[in-house]
Amino acid sequence: MSESQEKRQFTAEEWDYLTKYFVGNNFRYRQNIIIPKSVGPIQIKTNEEKMVESFFESCMFKSMMSCVVGYGLGAAIGLFSSSMGPASVTDTAEPQTARQVFREMKTTTLGYAKNFALIGALFSGVECVIESTRGKSDWKNGTYAGAVTGGLIGLRAGVKAGVVGAMGFAAFSTVIDYYMHSRF
């Protein structure tokens, strides 16, 4: 057997060099990984982006956002309803001053705003907690949340009103969920 036909033994450093040469770089940068998608490539989110996303998807943020939006919607509806039907308009009453009209409008507007804010925050918070607990996102979450919200709101007037409120709010939530999911 000649020297050229003799088996060659590689050292550990040579094996490392060959491995790096054929396999490639040992360092994989997170920003360079691309996940293929039907529309185009999407880069993986950074940890900061994940933290911001988890904050915006938290139950606390959702319920606070619903509270703020409900307050605004309630204020708009309250302002409209107070302008349409003033509370103290009778034939025998003396005409109201502008200050009295604006005070009534303020009272009605704030009343509507507080009620809508409470309903929005309560429903959204309960629905988010139910969805997180169940681990599913389907029509049942809205129905259960509607029942809890309607029951809690109706309980202020008694047990019978709480049961009726729970059934009514649950039915309304189910119909709205069905309409929104089947339409879009």
N, C-alpha and C. Protein backbone atom coordinates (compact mmCIF):
# COMPACT_ATOMS: atom_id res chain seq x y z
N MET A 1 0.84 -1.16 0.00
CA MET A 1 0.00 0.00 0.00
C MET A 1 0.89 1.23 0.00
N SER A 2 0.64 2.09 -0.93
CA SER A 2 1.50 3.24 -1.03
C SER A 2 1.04 4.33 -0.08
N GLU A 3 1.86 5.33 0.02
CA GLU A 3 1.57 6.43 0.94
C GLU A 3 0.35 7.22 0.51
N SER A 4 0.09 7.36 -0.78
CA SER A 4 -1.05 8.11 -1.28
C SER A 4 -2.37 7.36 -1.06
N GLN A 5 -2.31 6.03 -0.99
CA GLN A 5 -3.52 5.26 -0.77
C GLN A 5 -3.83 5.07 0.71
N GLU A 6 -2.95 5.44 1.54
CA GLU A 6 -3.12 5.28 2.98
C GLU A 6 -4.25 6.19 3.48
N LYS A 7 -5.06 5.72 4.46
CA LYS A 7 -6.17 6.51 4.99
C LYS A 7 -5.63 7.72 5.73
N ARG A 8 -6.28 8.83 5.47
CA ARG A 8 -5.85 10.07 6.11
C ARG A 8 -6.71 10.31 7.32
N GLN A 9 -6.13 10.69 8.44
CA GLN A 9 -6.83 11.01 9.67
C GLN A 9 -6.87 12.53 9.84
N PHE A 10 -8.07 13.06 10.14
CA PHE A 10 -8.21 14.50 10.34
C PHE A 10 -8.10 14.82 11.82
N THR A 11 -7.53 15.97 12.10
CA THR A 11 -7.45 16.44 13.49
C THR A 11 -8.78 17.11 13.86
N ALA A 12 -8.97 17.42 15.14
CA ALA A 12 -10.21 18.06 15.60
C ALA A 12 -10.39 19.44 14.97
N GLU A 13 -9.31 20.18 14.82
CA GLU A 13 -9.40 21.50 14.21
C GLU A 13 -9.81 21.40 12.75
N GLU A 14 -9.31 20.41 12.05
CA GLU A 14 -9.67 20.22 10.65
C GLU A 14 -11.14 19.84 10.51
N TRP A 15 -11.65 18.99 11.41
CA TRP A 15 -13.06 18.62 11.39
C TRP A 15 -13.94 19.85 11.65
N ASP A 16 -13.55 20.69 12.59
CA ASP A 16 -14.30 21.92 12.86
C ASP A 16 -14.32 22.82 11.64
N TYR A 17 -13.16 22.95 10.99
CA TYR A 17 -13.10 23.79 9.80
C TYR A 17 -14.00 23.24 8.70
N LEU A 18 -13.97 21.93 8.47
CA LEU A 18 -14.81 21.33 7.43
C LEU A 18 -16.31 21.47 7.77
N THR A 19 -16.62 21.28 9.03
CA THR A 19 -18.03 21.43 9.44
C THR A 19 -18.52 22.84 9.19
N LYS A 20 -17.73 23.83 9.60
CA LYS A 20 -18.13 25.22 9.37
C LYS A 20 -18.18 25.54 7.87
N TYR A 21 -17.31 24.93 7.11
CA TYR A 21 -17.30 25.18 5.68
C TYR A 21 -18.54 24.62 5.00
N PHE A 22 -18.90 23.38 5.34
CA PHE A 22 -20.04 22.74 4.67
C PHE A 22 -21.39 23.11 5.29
N VAL A 23 -21.46 23.22 6.59
CA VAL A 23 -22.73 23.51 7.25
C VAL A 23 -23.01 25.00 7.24
N GLY A 24 -22.03 25.79 7.41
CA GLY A 24 -22.22 27.23 7.38
C GLY A 24 -21.97 27.86 8.74
N ASN A 25 -22.45 29.05 8.86
CA ASN A 25 -22.23 29.86 10.05
C ASN A 25 -23.01 29.28 11.24
N ASN A 26 -22.39 29.27 12.41
CA ASN A 26 -23.07 28.79 13.61
C ASN A 26 -24.04 29.83 14.16
N PHE A 27 -23.89 31.06 13.80
CA PHE A 27 -24.72 32.13 14.33
C PHE A 27 -25.90 32.37 13.39
N ARG A 28 -27.09 32.31 13.94
CA ARG A 28 -28.29 32.60 13.16
C ARG A 28 -28.95 33.81 13.81
N TYR A 29 -29.03 34.84 13.03
CA TYR A 29 -29.60 36.07 13.55
C TYR A 29 -31.11 36.02 13.39
N ARG A 30 -31.81 36.39 14.43
CA ARG A 30 -33.27 36.32 14.47
C ARG A 30 -33.90 37.19 13.38
N GLN A 31 -33.32 38.33 13.11
CA GLN A 31 -33.90 39.23 12.14
C GLN A 31 -33.77 38.71 10.71
N ASN A 32 -32.87 37.77 10.49
CA ASN A 32 -32.66 37.28 9.13
C ASN A 32 -33.54 36.10 8.78
N ILE A 33 -34.26 35.54 9.75
CA ILE A 33 -35.13 34.40 9.47
C ILE A 33 -36.39 34.93 8.81
N ILE A 34 -36.75 34.33 7.72
CA ILE A 34 -37.95 34.75 6.99
C ILE A 34 -38.90 33.56 6.90
N ILE A 35 -40.15 33.79 7.30
CA ILE A 35 -41.17 32.75 7.23
C ILE A 35 -41.97 33.00 5.96
N PRO A 36 -42.02 32.01 5.05
CA PRO A 36 -42.77 32.23 3.81
C PRO A 36 -44.27 32.27 4.08
N LYS A 37 -44.96 33.12 3.37
CA LYS A 37 -46.40 33.24 3.47
C LYS A 37 -46.96 33.40 2.07
N SER A 38 -48.25 33.26 1.93
CA SER A 38 -48.83 33.28 0.59
C SER A 38 -48.67 34.63 -0.10
N VAL A 39 -48.73 35.73 0.67
CA VAL A 39 -48.62 37.05 0.08
C VAL A 39 -47.17 37.46 -0.11
N GLY A 40 -46.33 37.14 0.84
CA GLY A 40 -44.92 37.51 0.76
C GLY A 40 -44.23 37.17 2.06
N PRO A 41 -42.93 37.37 2.12
CA PRO A 41 -42.19 37.01 3.33
C PRO A 41 -42.51 37.95 4.50
N ILE A 42 -42.51 37.39 5.70
CA ILE A 42 -42.77 38.15 6.92
C ILE A 42 -41.64 37.86 7.90
N GLN A 43 -41.10 38.90 8.49
CA GLN A 43 -40.03 38.70 9.45
C GLN A 43 -40.61 38.39 10.83
N ILE A 44 -39.87 37.66 11.63
CA ILE A 44 -40.30 37.31 12.98
C ILE A 44 -40.28 38.56 13.85
N LYS A 45 -41.25 38.69 14.73
CA LYS A 45 -41.36 39.87 15.59
C LYS A 45 -40.27 39.86 16.65
N THR A 46 -39.81 41.06 16.98
CA THR A 46 -38.82 41.18 18.05
C THR A 46 -39.52 41.05 19.39
N ASN A 47 -38.74 40.92 20.46
CA ASN A 47 -39.32 40.77 21.79
C ASN A 47 -40.10 42.01 22.20
N GLU A 48 -39.63 43.19 21.79
CA GLU A 48 -40.35 44.42 22.11
C GLU A 48 -41.70 44.46 21.41
N GLU A 49 -41.74 44.03 20.15
CA GLU A 49 -43.00 43.98 19.43
C GLU A 49 -43.96 42.99 20.07
N LYS A 50 -43.44 41.87 20.54
CA LYS A 50 -44.28 40.89 21.22
C LYS A 50 -44.83 41.44 22.52
N MET A 51 -44.02 42.21 23.26
CA MET A 51 -44.50 42.79 24.52
C MET A 51 -45.61 43.81 24.26
N VAL A 52 -45.43 44.65 23.26
CA VAL A 52 -46.46 45.64 22.93
C VAL A 52 -47.73 44.94 22.47
N GLU A 53 -47.59 43.91 21.66
CA GLU A 53 -48.76 43.18 21.18
C GLU A 53 -49.49 42.49 22.33
N SER A 54 -48.75 41.91 23.26
CA SER A 54 -49.41 41.25 24.40
C SER A 54 -50.10 42.27 25.30
N PHE A 55 -49.57 43.49 25.40
CA PHE A 55 -50.24 44.54 26.17
C PHE A 55 -51.57 44.93 25.52
N PHE A 56 -51.55 45.11 24.20
CA PHE A 56 -52.77 45.52 23.50
C PHE A 56 -53.80 44.39 23.44
N GLU A 57 -53.38 43.14 23.60
CA GLU A 57 -54.31 42.02 23.60
C GLU A 57 -54.72 41.59 25.00
N SER A 58 -54.26 42.29 26.02
CA SER A 58 -54.60 41.91 27.39
C SER A 58 -56.04 42.28 27.71
N CYS A 59 -56.61 41.57 28.67
CA CYS A 59 -58.00 41.81 29.06
C CYS A 59 -58.15 43.20 29.68
N MET A 60 -57.17 43.66 30.40
CA MET A 60 -57.25 44.97 31.03
C MET A 60 -57.33 46.08 29.98
N PHE A 61 -56.48 45.99 28.96
CA PHE A 61 -56.50 47.02 27.91
C PHE A 61 -57.82 46.98 27.14
N LYS A 62 -58.29 45.77 26.82
CA LYS A 62 -59.54 45.67 26.07
C LYS A 62 -60.70 46.25 26.85
N SER A 63 -60.78 45.96 28.14
CA SER A 63 -61.90 46.48 28.92
C SER A 63 -61.79 47.99 29.12
N MET A 64 -60.58 48.50 29.31
CA MET A 64 -60.43 49.96 29.46
C MET A 64 -60.74 50.68 28.14
N MET A 65 -60.35 50.10 27.04
CA MET A 65 -60.65 50.70 25.74
C MET A 65 -62.15 50.69 25.48
N SER A 66 -62.81 49.60 25.84
CA SER A 66 -64.27 49.54 25.69
C SER A 66 -64.94 50.55 26.60
N CYS A 67 -64.38 50.78 27.76
CA CYS A 67 -64.93 51.78 28.68
C CYS A 67 -64.84 53.17 28.07
N VAL A 68 -63.71 53.51 27.51
CA VAL A 68 -63.51 54.83 26.91
C VAL A 68 -64.41 55.01 25.69
N VAL A 69 -64.45 54.01 24.82
CA VAL A 69 -65.28 54.11 23.62
C VAL A 69 -66.76 54.14 24.00
N GLY A 70 -67.14 53.34 25.00
CA GLY A 70 -68.52 53.35 25.47
C GLY A 70 -68.91 54.69 26.06
N TYR A 71 -67.98 55.32 26.77
CA TYR A 71 -68.25 56.64 27.34
C TYR A 71 -68.50 57.66 26.21
N GLY A 72 -67.67 57.61 25.19
CA GLY A 72 -67.85 58.54 24.06
C GLY A 72 -69.14 58.29 23.31
N LEU A 73 -69.46 57.02 23.05
CA LEU A 73 -70.69 56.70 22.35
C LEU A 73 -71.91 57.08 23.20
N GLY A 74 -71.84 56.79 24.51
CA GLY A 74 -72.94 57.15 25.39
C GLY A 74 -73.14 58.65 25.48
N ALA A 75 -72.04 59.40 25.47
CA ALA A 75 -72.15 60.86 25.50
C ALA A 75 -72.82 61.38 24.23
N ALA A 76 -72.46 60.80 23.09
CA ALA A 76 -73.08 61.24 21.83
C ALA A 76 -74.57 60.89 21.81
N ILE A 77 -74.91 59.69 22.23
CA ILE A 77 -76.32 59.30 22.25
C ILE A 77 -77.09 60.12 23.29
N GLY A 78 -76.48 60.36 24.43
CA GLY A 78 -77.13 61.18 25.47
C GLY A 78 -77.36 62.60 25.02
N LEU A 79 -76.40 63.17 24.32
CA LEU A 79 -76.56 64.53 23.80
C LEU A 79 -77.69 64.59 22.78
N PHE A 80 -77.75 63.57 21.91
CA PHE A 80 -78.81 63.53 20.91
C PHE A 80 -80.18 63.36 21.58
N SER A 81 -80.27 62.44 22.53
CA SER A 81 -81.57 62.19 23.16
C SER A 81 -82.02 63.36 24.03
N SER A 82 -81.09 64.06 24.65
CA SER A 82 -81.49 65.21 25.47
C SER A 82 -81.95 66.38 24.61
N SER A 83 -81.42 66.47 23.40
CA SER A 83 -81.87 67.55 22.54
C SER A 83 -83.23 67.23 21.91
N MET A 84 -83.55 65.95 21.79
CA MET A 84 -84.82 65.56 21.18
C MET A 84 -85.99 65.64 22.15
N GLY A 85 -85.76 65.30 23.40
CA GLY A 85 -86.86 65.27 24.36
C GLY A 85 -86.45 65.92 25.67
N PRO A 86 -86.61 67.20 25.80
CA PRO A 86 -86.23 67.84 27.06
C PRO A 86 -87.08 67.29 28.21
N ALA A 87 -86.49 67.22 29.38
CA ALA A 87 -87.11 66.55 30.53
C ALA A 87 -88.25 67.36 31.13
N SER A 88 -88.14 68.66 31.21
CA SER A 88 -89.16 69.44 31.93
C SER A 88 -89.90 70.41 31.01
N VAL A 89 -90.54 69.85 30.01
CA VAL A 89 -91.34 70.69 29.12
C VAL A 89 -92.81 70.38 29.39
N THR A 90 -93.49 71.32 29.97
CA THR A 90 -94.94 71.20 30.21
C THR A 90 -95.60 72.52 29.85
N ASP A 91 -96.91 72.49 29.77
CA ASP A 91 -97.64 73.71 29.41
C ASP A 91 -97.64 74.73 30.54
N THR A 92 -97.69 74.25 31.78
CA THR A 92 -97.79 75.18 32.90
C THR A 92 -96.43 75.68 33.36
N ALA A 93 -95.39 75.02 32.99
CA ALA A 93 -94.06 75.43 33.45
C ALA A 93 -93.63 76.70 32.73
N GLU A 94 -92.88 77.48 33.44
CA GLU A 94 -92.34 78.70 32.83
C GLU A 94 -91.21 78.32 31.88
N PRO A 95 -90.93 79.12 30.90
CA PRO A 95 -89.88 78.78 29.93
C PRO A 95 -88.52 78.66 30.62
N GLN A 96 -87.77 77.70 30.13
CA GLN A 96 -86.44 77.46 30.70
C GLN A 96 -85.43 78.44 30.12
N THR A 97 -84.45 78.73 30.94
CA THR A 97 -83.35 79.55 30.46
C THR A 97 -82.34 78.64 29.74
N ALA A 98 -81.44 79.24 29.03
CA ALA A 98 -80.42 78.46 28.32
C ALA A 98 -79.55 77.69 29.31
N ARG A 99 -79.29 78.29 30.45
CA ARG A 99 -78.46 77.63 31.46
C ARG A 99 -79.15 76.36 31.97
N GLN A 100 -80.46 76.42 32.21
CA GLN A 100 -81.19 75.25 32.68
C GLN A 100 -81.21 74.15 31.61
N VAL A 101 -81.37 74.53 30.37
CA VAL A 101 -81.37 73.55 29.28
C VAL A 101 -80.01 72.87 29.18
N PHE A 102 -78.95 73.64 29.26
CA PHE A 102 -77.61 73.06 29.18
C PHE A 102 -77.31 72.16 30.38
N ARG A 103 -77.81 72.51 31.55
CA ARG A 103 -77.61 71.65 32.73
C ARG A 103 -78.34 70.32 32.55
N GLU A 104 -79.56 70.38 32.02
CA GLU A 104 -80.28 69.13 31.75
C GLU A 104 -79.56 68.29 30.71
N MET A 105 -79.05 68.95 29.68
CA MET A 105 -78.31 68.24 28.64
C MET A 105 -77.06 67.59 29.24
N LYS A 106 -76.37 68.30 30.09
CA LYS A 106 -75.17 67.77 30.72
C LYS A 106 -75.51 66.56 31.58
N THR A 107 -76.57 66.65 32.36
CA THR A 107 -76.97 65.54 33.22
C THR A 107 -77.33 64.31 32.40
N THR A 108 -78.12 64.50 31.36
CA THR A 108 -78.52 63.38 30.51
C THR A 108 -77.32 62.79 29.78
N THR A 109 -76.48 63.63 29.25
CA THR A 109 -75.31 63.17 28.51
C THR A 109 -74.38 62.37 29.41
N LEU A 110 -74.09 62.88 30.60
CA LEU A 110 -73.21 62.16 31.52
C LEU A 110 -73.83 60.86 32.00
N GLY A 111 -75.14 60.85 32.19
CA GLY A 111 -75.81 59.61 32.60
C GLY A 111 -75.68 58.52 31.55
N TYR A 112 -75.95 58.87 30.31
CA TYR A 112 -75.78 57.91 29.22
C TYR A 112 -74.32 57.47 29.10
N ALA A 113 -73.41 58.41 29.19
CA ALA A 113 -71.99 58.10 29.02
C ALA A 113 -71.52 57.12 30.09
N LYS A 114 -71.90 57.35 31.33
CA LYS A 114 -71.49 56.45 32.42
C LYS A 114 -72.07 55.05 32.23
N ASN A 115 -73.34 54.97 31.84
CA ASN A 115 -73.97 53.66 31.64
C ASN A 115 -73.32 52.89 30.50
N PHE A 116 -73.07 53.55 29.38
CA PHE A 116 -72.43 52.88 28.25
C PHE A 116 -71.00 52.47 28.60
N ALA A 117 -70.30 53.30 29.34
CA ALA A 117 -68.93 52.96 29.75
C ALA A 117 -68.93 51.72 30.64
N LEU A 118 -69.86 51.68 31.58
CA LEU A 118 -69.95 50.52 32.49
C LEU A 118 -70.28 49.26 31.71
N ILE A 119 -71.26 49.33 30.83
CA ILE A 119 -71.65 48.15 30.06
C ILE A 119 -70.50 47.69 29.16
N GLY A 120 -69.84 48.63 28.49
CA GLY A 120 -68.73 48.27 27.60
C GLY A 120 -67.58 47.62 28.35
N ALA A 121 -67.19 48.21 29.47
CA ALA A 121 -66.07 47.67 30.23
C ALA A 121 -66.41 46.30 30.82
N LEU A 122 -67.60 46.18 31.36
CA LEU A 122 -68.01 44.92 31.98
C LEU A 122 -68.12 43.80 30.96
N PHE A 123 -68.80 44.06 29.85
CA PHE A 123 -68.96 43.03 28.83
C PHE A 123 -67.61 42.62 28.24
N SER A 124 -66.79 43.60 27.88
CA SER A 124 -65.51 43.29 27.26
C SER A 124 -64.58 42.53 28.21
N GLY A 125 -64.54 42.97 29.46
CA GLY A 125 -63.70 42.30 30.44
C GLY A 125 -64.14 40.87 30.69
N VAL A 126 -65.44 40.67 30.86
CA VAL A 126 -65.97 39.32 31.11
C VAL A 126 -65.73 38.43 29.90
N GLU A 127 -65.98 38.95 28.70
CA GLU A 127 -65.77 38.15 27.50
C GLU A 127 -64.31 37.75 27.34
N CYS A 128 -63.41 38.67 27.62
CA CYS A 128 -61.98 38.38 27.48
C CYS A 128 -61.54 37.32 28.50
N VAL A 129 -62.03 37.42 29.73
CA VAL A 129 -61.68 36.43 30.75
C VAL A 129 -62.24 35.06 30.38
N ILE A 130 -63.48 35.02 29.88
CA ILE A 130 -64.08 33.74 29.47
C ILE A 130 -63.30 33.15 28.30
N GLU A 131 -62.94 33.99 27.33
CA GLU A 131 -62.18 33.51 26.18
C GLU A 131 -60.81 32.99 26.60
N SER A 132 -60.16 33.67 27.51
CA SER A 132 -58.84 33.22 27.99
C SER A 132 -58.97 31.92 28.77
N THR A 133 -60.02 31.79 29.56
CA THR A 133 -60.21 30.59 30.37
C THR A 133 -60.57 29.40 29.49
N ARG A 134 -61.47 29.59 28.54
CA ARG A 134 -61.89 28.50 27.66
C ARG A 134 -60.82 28.15 26.63
N GLY A 135 -60.04 29.13 26.23
CA GLY A 135 -59.02 28.89 25.20
C GLY A 135 -59.60 28.79 23.81
N LYS A 136 -60.82 29.28 23.63
CA LYS A 136 -61.47 29.24 22.33
C LYS A 136 -62.06 30.61 22.03
N SER A 137 -62.18 30.91 20.74
CA SER A 137 -62.81 32.16 20.32
C SER A 137 -64.00 31.81 19.43
N ASP A 138 -65.17 31.68 20.05
CA ASP A 138 -66.36 31.34 19.30
C ASP A 138 -67.57 32.10 19.85
N TRP A 139 -68.75 31.79 19.36
CA TRP A 139 -69.96 32.52 19.70
C TRP A 139 -70.36 32.34 21.16
N LYS A 140 -69.94 31.25 21.78
CA LYS A 140 -70.34 30.99 23.17
C LYS A 140 -69.76 32.02 24.14
N ASN A 141 -68.58 32.55 23.82
CA ASN A 141 -67.96 33.54 24.71
C ASN A 141 -68.85 34.78 24.84
N GLY A 142 -69.37 35.27 23.73
CA GLY A 142 -70.24 36.44 23.77
C GLY A 142 -71.55 36.15 24.48
N THR A 143 -72.06 34.93 24.29
CA THR A 143 -73.31 34.56 24.95
C THR A 143 -73.12 34.50 26.46
N TYR A 144 -72.05 33.84 26.91
CA TYR A 144 -71.79 33.76 28.34
C TYR A 144 -71.52 35.14 28.94
N ALA A 145 -70.74 35.94 28.23
CA ALA A 145 -70.44 37.28 28.72
C ALA A 145 -71.70 38.13 28.77
N GLY A 146 -72.57 37.98 27.78
CA GLY A 146 -73.83 38.70 27.78
C GLY A 146 -74.70 38.31 28.95
N ALA A 147 -74.73 37.02 29.26
CA ALA A 147 -75.53 36.56 30.40
C ALA A 147 -74.99 37.12 31.71
N VAL A 148 -73.68 37.09 31.89
CA VAL A 148 -73.08 37.62 33.12
C VAL A 148 -73.31 39.13 33.22
N THR A 149 -73.07 39.84 32.13
CA THR A 149 -73.24 41.29 32.14
C THR A 149 -74.69 41.69 32.37
N GLY A 150 -75.61 41.08 31.63
CA GLY A 150 -77.02 41.39 31.81
C GLY A 150 -77.51 41.03 33.20
N GLY A 151 -77.02 39.91 33.73
CA GLY A 151 -77.41 39.51 35.08
C GLY A 151 -76.91 40.48 36.14
N LEU A 152 -75.66 40.91 36.00
CA LEU A 152 -75.11 41.86 36.98
C LEU A 152 -75.80 43.22 36.91
N ILE A 153 -76.10 43.67 35.71
CA ILE A 153 -76.77 44.96 35.57
C ILE A 153 -78.21 44.87 36.07
N GLY A 154 -78.90 43.76 35.74
CA GLY A 154 -80.28 43.59 36.17
C GLY A 154 -80.42 43.32 37.65
N LEU A 155 -79.40 42.81 38.29
CA LEU A 155 -79.45 42.50 39.71
C LEU A 155 -79.67 43.73 40.57
N ARG A 156 -79.36 44.90 40.05
CA ARG A 156 -79.59 46.13 40.82
C ARG A 156 -81.08 46.32 41.10
N ALA A 157 -81.94 45.75 40.24
CA ALA A 157 -83.39 45.89 40.41
C ALA A 157 -84.02 44.65 41.05
N GLY A 158 -83.24 43.63 41.33
CA GLY A 158 -83.76 42.42 41.96
C GLY A 158 -83.35 41.17 41.21
N VAL A 159 -83.67 40.02 41.81
CA VAL A 159 -83.26 38.75 41.24
C VAL A 159 -84.00 38.46 39.93
N LYS A 160 -85.30 38.71 39.91
CA LYS A 160 -86.08 38.46 38.69
C LYS A 160 -85.57 39.33 37.54
N ALA A 161 -85.30 40.58 37.83
CA ALA A 161 -84.76 41.47 36.80
C ALA A 161 -83.37 41.01 36.36
N GLY A 162 -82.59 40.44 37.28
CA GLY A 162 -81.28 39.92 36.93
C GLY A 162 -81.36 38.74 35.98
N VAL A 163 -82.32 37.84 36.23
CA VAL A 163 -82.50 36.68 35.35
C VAL A 163 -82.98 37.13 33.97
N VAL A 164 -83.95 38.04 33.95
CA VAL A 164 -84.46 38.55 32.67
C VAL A 164 -83.36 39.30 31.92
N GLY A 165 -82.59 40.11 32.65
CA GLY A 165 -81.48 40.83 32.03
C GLY A 165 -80.43 39.89 31.48
N ALA A 166 -80.14 38.82 32.22
CA ALA A 166 -79.14 37.85 31.75
C ALA A 166 -79.61 37.17 30.47
N MET A 167 -80.88 36.75 30.45
CA MET A 167 -81.39 36.08 29.25
C MET A 167 -81.46 37.05 28.06
N GLY A 168 -81.91 38.26 28.31
CA GLY A 168 -82.03 39.23 27.22
C GLY A 168 -80.68 39.65 26.65
N PHE A 169 -79.73 39.94 27.54
CA PHE A 169 -78.41 40.36 27.08
C PHE A 169 -77.69 39.20 26.39
N ALA A 170 -77.87 37.96 26.89
CA ALA A 170 -77.24 36.80 26.25
C ALA A 170 -77.82 36.59 24.85
N ALA A 171 -79.13 36.71 24.72
CA ALA A 171 -79.76 36.54 23.40
C ALA A 171 -79.29 37.62 22.44
N PHE A 172 -79.25 38.85 22.91
CA PHE A 172 -78.80 39.96 22.07
C PHE A 172 -77.34 39.75 21.64
N SER A 173 -76.48 39.34 22.57
CA SER A 173 -75.07 39.10 22.24
C SER A 173 -74.92 37.97 21.24
N THR A 174 -75.72 36.93 21.38
CA THR A 174 -75.66 35.81 20.44
C THR A 174 -76.08 36.24 19.05
N VAL A 175 -77.14 37.01 18.96
CA VAL A 175 -77.61 37.49 17.65
C VAL A 175 -76.57 38.39 17.00
N ILE A 176 -75.98 39.29 17.77
CA ILE A 176 -74.95 40.19 17.22
C ILE A 176 -73.73 39.39 16.78
N ASP A 177 -73.29 38.42 17.58
CA ASP A 177 -72.14 37.59 17.19
C ASP A 177 -72.45 36.82 15.92
N TYR A 178 -73.64 36.24 15.83
CA TYR A 178 -74.01 35.49 14.64
C TYR A 178 -74.02 36.40 13.41
N TYR A 179 -74.60 37.57 13.56
CA TYR A 179 -74.67 38.51 12.45
C TYR A 179 -73.28 38.96 12.01
N MET A 180 -72.41 39.27 12.97
CA MET A 180 -71.07 39.76 12.62
C MET A 180 -70.21 38.65 12.02
N HIS A 181 -70.32 37.42 12.52
CA HIS A 181 -69.48 36.35 12.00
C HIS A 181 -69.98 35.81 10.67
N SER A 182 -71.29 35.81 10.46
CA SER A 182 -71.79 35.28 9.19
C SER A 182 -71.66 36.30 8.08
N ARG A 183 -71.61 37.55 8.43
CA ARG A 183 -71.54 38.60 7.42
C ARG A 183 -70.11 38.88 6.97
N PHE A 184 -69.16 38.82 7.89
CA PHE A 184 -67.79 39.18 7.56
C PHE A 184 -66.89 37.98 7.58
